[in-house]
Amino acid sequence: MWNLIWPILIVIISNVIYHILSKSTPSGAQPMASLLITYLVAATVTAILYFITSPTKNLLQDIKSLNWTSFLLGIAVVGLEFGYIQVYRAGWNISVGSLVANLGLAVGLVIVGLLLYHENISAKQIIGIIMCLVGIVFINIK
């Protein structure tokens, strides 16, 4: 059971910290300069963790085993980070901006699961999608 719980706890805790820090990025700071520092720190921490956790410690060999997904994931992460900085600069509350984005993400991933991975979609999931969409409308009504 713990093998299911600890990874999701890392995601939740990291996401809470991530959103607090994204919202706290100074409004006058150039977003790409902020992200550059973010990624330099992330690259340093990742390199340290690689050498701590890798059984082979052969970085070149491990890089050769990668494919295109790592490169596109890098682009996606930049879009995600930049998008959230802009969401908060546009005035979204931390409690609502992330919720709307994640509800939209949930709906999008159900569709991706259906179309790309041929996952089954149940009546409960369809009801859930409708509820998410209705929730997005209600959350944004002022």
N, C-alpha and C. Protein backbone atom coordinates (compact mmCIF):
# COMPACT_ATOMS: atom_id res chain seq x y z
N MET A 1 0.82 -1.19 0.00
CA MET A 1 0.00 0.00 0.00
C MET A 1 0.87 1.27 0.00
N TRP A 2 1.94 1.24 0.81
CA TRP A 2 2.82 2.40 0.90
C TRP A 2 3.44 2.72 -0.46
N ASN A 3 3.68 1.69 -1.29
CA ASN A 3 4.23 1.92 -2.63
C ASN A 3 3.29 2.74 -3.51
N LEU A 4 2.01 2.72 -3.23
CA LEU A 4 1.05 3.55 -3.95
C LEU A 4 0.94 4.96 -3.35
N ILE A 5 1.14 5.05 -2.05
CA ILE A 5 0.89 6.30 -1.35
C ILE A 5 2.07 7.28 -1.46
N TRP A 6 3.30 6.81 -1.23
CA TRP A 6 4.42 7.77 -1.16
C TRP A 6 4.64 8.54 -2.46
N PRO A 7 4.49 7.93 -3.65
CA PRO A 7 4.70 8.75 -4.85
C PRO A 7 3.65 9.86 -5.01
N ILE A 8 2.40 9.56 -4.68
CA ILE A 8 1.36 10.57 -4.82
C ILE A 8 1.54 11.67 -3.77
N LEU A 9 2.04 11.31 -2.59
CA LEU A 9 2.34 12.33 -1.58
C LEU A 9 3.44 13.26 -2.06
N ILE A 10 4.45 12.73 -2.71
CA ILE A 10 5.52 13.57 -3.26
C ILE A 10 4.93 14.53 -4.29
N VAL A 11 4.05 14.02 -5.17
CA VAL A 11 3.41 14.87 -6.18
C VAL A 11 2.59 15.97 -5.52
N ILE A 12 1.79 15.62 -4.52
CA ILE A 12 0.92 16.59 -3.86
C ILE A 12 1.75 17.65 -3.14
N ILE A 13 2.70 17.22 -2.32
CA ILE A 13 3.52 18.17 -1.56
C ILE A 13 4.33 19.05 -2.50
N SER A 14 4.93 18.45 -3.52
CA SER A 14 5.72 19.23 -4.48
C SER A 14 4.84 20.22 -5.23
N ASN A 15 3.62 19.82 -5.58
CA ASN A 15 2.70 20.71 -6.28
C ASN A 15 2.27 21.89 -5.41
N VAL A 16 2.02 21.64 -4.14
CA VAL A 16 1.65 22.73 -3.24
C VAL A 16 2.80 23.74 -3.16
N ILE A 17 4.01 23.24 -2.94
CA ILE A 17 5.18 24.12 -2.88
C ILE A 17 5.37 24.83 -4.21
N TYR A 18 5.23 24.10 -5.31
CA TYR A 18 5.39 24.66 -6.65
C TYR A 18 4.45 25.85 -6.88
N HIS A 19 3.18 25.69 -6.51
CA HIS A 19 2.21 26.75 -6.75
C HIS A 19 2.45 27.96 -5.84
N ILE A 20 2.85 27.70 -4.61
CA ILE A 20 3.19 28.82 -3.71
C ILE A 20 4.35 29.61 -4.31
N LEU A 21 5.37 28.91 -4.80
CA LEU A 21 6.54 29.59 -5.35
C LEU A 21 6.23 30.26 -6.69
N SER A 22 5.41 29.62 -7.53
CA SER A 22 5.03 30.25 -8.80
C SER A 22 4.28 31.55 -8.55
N LYS A 23 3.36 31.52 -7.59
CA LYS A 23 2.59 32.72 -7.28
C LYS A 23 3.48 33.78 -6.62
N SER A 24 4.54 33.37 -5.96
CA SER A 24 5.43 34.28 -5.25
C SER A 24 6.55 34.84 -6.13
N THR A 25 6.65 34.37 -7.38
CA THR A 25 7.67 34.90 -8.28
C THR A 25 7.40 36.39 -8.45
N PRO A 26 8.42 37.23 -8.25
CA PRO A 26 8.19 38.68 -8.34
C PRO A 26 7.57 39.08 -9.67
N SER A 27 6.57 39.95 -9.61
CA SER A 27 5.86 40.36 -10.82
C SER A 27 6.76 41.10 -11.79
N GLY A 28 7.81 41.73 -11.31
CA GLY A 28 8.71 42.44 -12.20
C GLY A 28 9.81 41.58 -12.79
N ALA A 29 9.90 40.34 -12.31
CA ALA A 29 10.96 39.44 -12.79
C ALA A 29 10.62 38.94 -14.19
N GLN A 30 11.63 38.89 -15.03
CA GLN A 30 11.44 38.35 -16.38
C GLN A 30 11.22 36.84 -16.22
N PRO A 31 10.10 36.31 -16.70
CA PRO A 31 9.77 34.89 -16.46
C PRO A 31 10.84 33.92 -16.96
N MET A 32 11.45 34.20 -18.08
CA MET A 32 12.45 33.26 -18.61
C MET A 32 13.74 33.30 -17.79
N ALA A 33 14.07 34.44 -17.20
CA ALA A 33 15.23 34.49 -16.30
C ALA A 33 14.95 33.66 -15.05
N SER A 34 13.72 33.78 -14.55
CA SER A 34 13.31 32.98 -13.40
C SER A 34 13.39 31.49 -13.72
N LEU A 35 12.88 31.13 -14.90
CA LEU A 35 12.91 29.71 -15.27
C LEU A 35 14.33 29.22 -15.52
N LEU A 36 15.19 30.07 -16.05
CA LEU A 36 16.59 29.68 -16.26
C LEU A 36 17.24 29.29 -14.94
N ILE A 37 17.06 30.12 -13.91
CA ILE A 37 17.61 29.79 -12.59
C ILE A 37 16.96 28.52 -12.05
N THR A 38 15.65 28.42 -12.22
CA THR A 38 14.93 27.23 -11.77
C THR A 38 15.52 25.97 -12.39
N TYR A 39 15.75 25.99 -13.69
CA TYR A 39 16.26 24.80 -14.38
C TYR A 39 17.73 24.54 -14.10
N LEU A 40 18.51 25.58 -13.84
CA LEU A 40 19.91 25.36 -13.45
C LEU A 40 19.97 24.65 -12.10
N VAL A 41 19.13 25.10 -11.17
CA VAL A 41 19.06 24.44 -9.87
C VAL A 41 18.54 23.01 -10.04
N ALA A 42 17.49 22.85 -10.85
CA ALA A 42 16.92 21.52 -11.08
C ALA A 42 17.94 20.58 -11.72
N ALA A 43 18.71 21.10 -12.70
CA ALA A 43 19.73 20.27 -13.35
C ALA A 43 20.81 19.85 -12.36
N THR A 44 21.19 20.77 -11.49
CA THR A 44 22.22 20.45 -10.49
C THR A 44 21.72 19.38 -9.52
N VAL A 45 20.50 19.57 -9.01
CA VAL A 45 19.93 18.59 -8.08
C VAL A 45 19.76 17.25 -8.77
N THR A 46 19.28 17.27 -10.02
CA THR A 46 19.08 16.02 -10.76
C THR A 46 20.41 15.30 -10.99
N ALA A 47 21.46 16.04 -11.33
CA ALA A 47 22.77 15.41 -11.54
C ALA A 47 23.28 14.76 -10.26
N ILE A 48 23.12 15.47 -9.15
CA ILE A 48 23.54 14.90 -7.86
C ILE A 48 22.74 13.63 -7.56
N LEU A 49 21.42 13.71 -7.74
CA LEU A 49 20.57 12.53 -7.46
C LEU A 49 20.87 11.39 -8.43
N TYR A 50 21.21 11.73 -9.68
CA TYR A 50 21.57 10.67 -10.64
C TYR A 50 22.75 9.87 -10.10
N PHE A 51 23.80 10.56 -9.68
CA PHE A 51 25.00 9.86 -9.23
C PHE A 51 24.80 9.16 -7.89
N ILE A 52 23.85 9.62 -7.09
CA ILE A 52 23.54 8.94 -5.84
C ILE A 52 22.72 7.68 -6.10
N THR A 53 21.76 7.75 -7.04
CA THR A 53 20.81 6.64 -7.23
C THR A 53 21.14 5.68 -8.37
N SER A 54 21.99 6.08 -9.30
CA SER A 54 22.26 5.22 -10.46
C SER A 54 23.17 4.06 -10.08
N PRO A 55 22.75 2.83 -10.39
CA PRO A 55 23.62 1.70 -10.09
C PRO A 55 24.89 1.69 -10.96
N THR A 56 24.79 2.16 -12.21
CA THR A 56 25.93 2.11 -13.12
C THR A 56 26.78 3.38 -13.08
N LYS A 57 26.14 4.51 -12.79
CA LYS A 57 26.80 5.82 -12.79
C LYS A 57 27.48 6.11 -14.14
N ASN A 58 26.90 5.57 -15.21
CA ASN A 58 27.42 5.79 -16.56
C ASN A 58 26.42 6.69 -17.29
N LEU A 59 26.58 7.99 -17.12
CA LEU A 59 25.62 8.95 -17.64
C LEU A 59 25.49 8.88 -19.15
N LEU A 60 26.60 8.77 -19.87
CA LEU A 60 26.54 8.72 -21.33
C LEU A 60 25.76 7.50 -21.81
N GLN A 61 25.99 6.36 -21.19
CA GLN A 61 25.24 5.15 -21.56
C GLN A 61 23.75 5.33 -21.28
N ASP A 62 23.44 5.92 -20.13
CA ASP A 62 22.03 6.11 -19.79
C ASP A 62 21.36 7.13 -20.71
N ILE A 63 22.09 8.16 -21.13
CA ILE A 63 21.53 9.15 -22.06
C ILE A 63 21.26 8.50 -23.41
N LYS A 64 22.13 7.60 -23.83
CA LYS A 64 21.95 6.92 -25.11
C LYS A 64 20.69 6.05 -25.13
N SER A 65 20.24 5.62 -23.97
CA SER A 65 19.05 4.77 -23.92
C SER A 65 17.75 5.58 -24.00
N LEU A 66 17.86 6.90 -24.00
CA LEU A 66 16.67 7.75 -24.05
C LEU A 66 16.17 7.89 -25.48
N ASN A 67 14.95 8.38 -25.62
CA ASN A 67 14.40 8.67 -26.94
C ASN A 67 13.89 10.11 -26.97
N TRP A 68 13.09 10.43 -27.93
CA TRP A 68 12.60 11.78 -28.15
C TRP A 68 11.75 12.32 -27.01
N THR A 69 11.19 11.44 -26.18
CA THR A 69 10.26 11.89 -25.15
C THR A 69 10.91 12.82 -24.14
N SER A 70 12.17 12.57 -23.81
CA SER A 70 12.85 13.44 -22.84
C SER A 70 12.98 14.86 -23.36
N PHE A 71 13.24 15.00 -24.63
CA PHE A 71 13.39 16.33 -25.22
C PHE A 71 12.05 17.08 -25.26
N LEU A 72 11.00 16.38 -25.68
CA LEU A 72 9.69 17.02 -25.72
C LEU A 72 9.15 17.29 -24.32
N LEU A 73 9.50 16.42 -23.37
CA LEU A 73 9.10 16.65 -21.98
C LEU A 73 9.73 17.94 -21.47
N GLY A 74 10.96 18.21 -21.85
CA GLY A 74 11.60 19.46 -21.47
C GLY A 74 10.84 20.66 -21.99
N ILE A 75 10.39 20.59 -23.24
CA ILE A 75 9.60 21.68 -23.81
C ILE A 75 8.26 21.83 -23.10
N ALA A 76 7.63 20.70 -22.81
CA ALA A 76 6.35 20.72 -22.11
C ALA A 76 6.49 21.32 -20.71
N VAL A 77 7.56 21.00 -20.04
CA VAL A 77 7.77 21.52 -18.69
C VAL A 77 7.95 23.04 -18.73
N VAL A 78 8.69 23.53 -19.72
CA VAL A 78 8.85 24.98 -19.84
C VAL A 78 7.48 25.64 -20.06
N GLY A 79 6.66 25.05 -20.92
CA GLY A 79 5.31 25.58 -21.15
C GLY A 79 4.48 25.57 -19.88
N LEU A 80 4.58 24.50 -19.14
CA LEU A 80 3.83 24.37 -17.89
C LEU A 80 4.26 25.43 -16.88
N GLU A 81 5.56 25.56 -16.68
CA GLU A 81 6.08 26.53 -15.72
C GLU A 81 5.74 27.96 -16.13
N PHE A 82 6.00 28.29 -17.40
CA PHE A 82 5.71 29.63 -17.90
C PHE A 82 4.21 29.92 -17.81
N GLY A 83 3.40 28.94 -18.16
CA GLY A 83 1.95 29.10 -18.09
C GLY A 83 1.46 29.42 -16.70
N TYR A 84 1.96 28.71 -15.70
CA TYR A 84 1.51 28.98 -14.33
C TYR A 84 1.98 30.34 -13.83
N ILE A 85 3.20 30.73 -14.18
CA ILE A 85 3.64 32.07 -13.78
C ILE A 85 2.69 33.11 -14.38
N GLN A 86 2.32 32.92 -15.65
CA GLN A 86 1.43 33.87 -16.31
C GLN A 86 0.00 33.79 -15.74
N VAL A 87 -0.45 32.61 -15.35
CA VAL A 87 -1.77 32.46 -14.73
C VAL A 87 -1.86 33.33 -13.49
N TYR A 88 -0.84 33.25 -12.65
CA TYR A 88 -0.86 34.01 -11.40
C TYR A 88 -0.66 35.50 -11.66
N ARG A 89 0.15 35.85 -12.65
CA ARG A 89 0.32 37.26 -12.99
C ARG A 89 -0.95 37.84 -13.59
N ALA A 90 -1.75 37.00 -14.22
CA ALA A 90 -3.02 37.46 -14.79
C ALA A 90 -4.07 37.71 -13.71
N GLY A 91 -3.76 37.27 -12.49
CA GLY A 91 -4.66 37.57 -11.38
C GLY A 91 -5.44 36.39 -10.82
N TRP A 92 -5.19 35.20 -11.32
CA TRP A 92 -5.89 34.04 -10.76
C TRP A 92 -5.48 33.84 -9.31
N ASN A 93 -6.45 33.49 -8.48
CA ASN A 93 -6.15 33.11 -7.10
C ASN A 93 -5.48 31.75 -7.11
N ILE A 94 -4.60 31.51 -6.14
CA ILE A 94 -3.89 30.24 -6.08
C ILE A 94 -4.87 29.08 -5.89
N SER A 95 -5.97 29.33 -5.19
CA SER A 95 -6.94 28.27 -4.92
C SER A 95 -7.80 27.94 -6.14
N VAL A 96 -7.92 28.87 -7.07
CA VAL A 96 -8.81 28.66 -8.21
C VAL A 96 -8.04 28.35 -9.49
N GLY A 97 -6.94 29.05 -9.74
CA GLY A 97 -6.19 28.86 -10.98
C GLY A 97 -5.73 27.42 -11.16
N SER A 98 -5.14 26.88 -10.11
CA SER A 98 -4.67 25.49 -10.18
C SER A 98 -5.83 24.52 -10.31
N LEU A 99 -6.92 24.79 -9.60
CA LEU A 99 -8.08 23.91 -9.67
C LEU A 99 -8.67 23.87 -11.07
N VAL A 100 -8.83 25.03 -11.69
CA VAL A 100 -9.38 25.08 -13.05
C VAL A 100 -8.44 24.36 -14.02
N ALA A 101 -7.14 24.63 -13.88
CA ALA A 101 -6.17 23.98 -14.77
C ALA A 101 -6.21 22.46 -14.59
N ASN A 102 -6.28 22.00 -13.37
CA ASN A 102 -6.27 20.56 -13.12
C ASN A 102 -7.58 19.88 -13.51
N LEU A 103 -8.69 20.59 -13.38
CA LEU A 103 -9.95 20.03 -13.87
C LEU A 103 -9.90 19.89 -15.39
N GLY A 104 -9.40 20.93 -16.05
CA GLY A 104 -9.23 20.86 -17.50
C GLY A 104 -8.28 19.74 -17.89
N LEU A 105 -7.20 19.59 -17.13
CA LEU A 105 -6.24 18.52 -17.37
C LEU A 105 -6.90 17.15 -17.23
N ALA A 106 -7.69 16.98 -16.18
CA ALA A 106 -8.36 15.70 -15.95
C ALA A 106 -9.26 15.33 -17.12
N VAL A 107 -10.03 16.29 -17.59
CA VAL A 107 -10.92 16.05 -18.74
C VAL A 107 -10.08 15.72 -19.98
N GLY A 108 -9.03 16.50 -20.20
CA GLY A 108 -8.16 16.25 -21.35
C GLY A 108 -7.52 14.88 -21.31
N LEU A 109 -7.09 14.43 -20.13
CA LEU A 109 -6.43 13.13 -20.03
C LEU A 109 -7.41 11.97 -20.21
N VAL A 110 -8.65 12.16 -19.83
CA VAL A 110 -9.65 11.11 -20.11
C VAL A 110 -9.80 10.97 -21.63
N ILE A 111 -9.85 12.09 -22.32
CA ILE A 111 -9.97 12.05 -23.78
C ILE A 111 -8.72 11.43 -24.41
N VAL A 112 -7.54 11.82 -23.92
CA VAL A 112 -6.28 11.23 -24.42
C VAL A 112 -6.26 9.73 -24.16
N GLY A 113 -6.65 9.34 -22.96
CA GLY A 113 -6.69 7.91 -22.63
C GLY A 113 -7.60 7.14 -23.58
N LEU A 114 -8.72 7.75 -23.91
CA LEU A 114 -9.68 7.11 -24.81
C LEU A 114 -9.12 7.01 -26.23
N LEU A 115 -8.60 8.12 -26.75
CA LEU A 115 -8.19 8.18 -28.15
C LEU A 115 -6.81 7.56 -28.41
N LEU A 116 -5.84 7.84 -27.56
CA LEU A 116 -4.47 7.37 -27.82
C LEU A 116 -4.15 6.02 -27.20
N TYR A 117 -4.73 5.74 -26.05
CA TYR A 117 -4.38 4.52 -25.33
C TYR A 117 -5.51 3.50 -25.32
N HIS A 118 -6.60 3.82 -25.99
CA HIS A 118 -7.75 2.92 -26.13
C HIS A 118 -8.27 2.43 -24.78
N GLU A 119 -8.22 3.33 -23.78
CA GLU A 119 -8.79 3.00 -22.49
C GLU A 119 -10.30 3.09 -22.59
N ASN A 120 -10.97 2.30 -21.79
CA ASN A 120 -12.43 2.34 -21.78
C ASN A 120 -12.90 3.55 -20.98
N ILE A 121 -13.97 4.15 -21.44
CA ILE A 121 -14.57 5.25 -20.70
C ILE A 121 -15.94 4.77 -20.20
N SER A 122 -16.16 4.92 -18.91
CA SER A 122 -17.38 4.42 -18.31
C SER A 122 -18.40 5.55 -18.19
N ALA A 123 -19.61 5.16 -17.86
CA ALA A 123 -20.67 6.14 -17.63
C ALA A 123 -20.28 7.05 -16.46
N LYS A 124 -19.63 6.48 -15.44
CA LYS A 124 -19.19 7.28 -14.30
C LYS A 124 -18.17 8.33 -14.73
N GLN A 125 -17.28 7.96 -15.63
CA GLN A 125 -16.28 8.92 -16.10
C GLN A 125 -16.94 10.04 -16.92
N ILE A 126 -17.91 9.68 -17.72
CA ILE A 126 -18.63 10.70 -18.51
C ILE A 126 -19.33 11.67 -17.56
N ILE A 127 -19.99 11.13 -16.52
CA ILE A 127 -20.63 11.98 -15.53
C ILE A 127 -19.59 12.84 -14.83
N GLY A 128 -18.43 12.27 -14.52
CA GLY A 128 -17.35 13.02 -13.89
C GLY A 128 -16.85 14.16 -14.77
N ILE A 129 -16.72 13.89 -16.07
CA ILE A 129 -16.29 14.93 -17.02
C ILE A 129 -17.31 16.07 -17.03
N ILE A 130 -18.57 15.71 -17.10
CA ILE A 130 -19.62 16.73 -17.11
C ILE A 130 -19.57 17.54 -15.82
N MET A 131 -19.38 16.86 -14.70
CA MET A 131 -19.30 17.56 -13.42
C MET A 131 -18.09 18.50 -13.37
N CYS A 132 -16.96 18.04 -13.92
CA CYS A 132 -15.75 18.89 -13.97
C CYS A 132 -16.03 20.14 -14.79
N LEU A 133 -16.65 19.96 -15.95
CA LEU A 133 -16.94 21.11 -16.81
C LEU A 133 -17.92 22.07 -16.15
N VAL A 134 -18.94 21.52 -15.50
CA VAL A 134 -19.89 22.36 -14.77
C VAL A 134 -19.17 23.07 -13.61
N GLY A 135 -18.28 22.34 -12.94
CA GLY A 135 -17.50 22.93 -11.84
C GLY A 135 -16.65 24.09 -12.32
N ILE A 136 -16.02 23.95 -13.48
CA ILE A 136 -15.21 25.03 -14.02
C ILE A 136 -16.08 26.27 -14.25
N VAL A 137 -17.29 26.06 -14.76
CA VAL A 137 -18.20 27.19 -14.99
C VAL A 137 -18.56 27.84 -13.66
N PHE A 138 -18.95 27.04 -12.65
CA PHE A 138 -19.36 27.60 -11.36
C PHE A 138 -18.22 28.29 -10.65
N ILE A 139 -17.02 27.73 -10.73
CA ILE A 139 -15.87 28.34 -10.07
C ILE A 139 -15.58 29.72 -10.64
N ASN A 140 -15.84 29.89 -11.92
CA ASN A 140 -15.48 31.15 -12.59
C ASN A 140 -16.61 32.17 -12.66
N ILE A 141 -17.80 31.81 -12.17
CA ILE A 141 -18.90 32.78 -12.12
C ILE A 141 -18.62 33.76 -11.00
N LYS A 142 -18.70 35.03 -11.32
CA LYS A 142 -18.43 36.05 -10.28
C LYS A 142 -19.71 36.74 -9.88
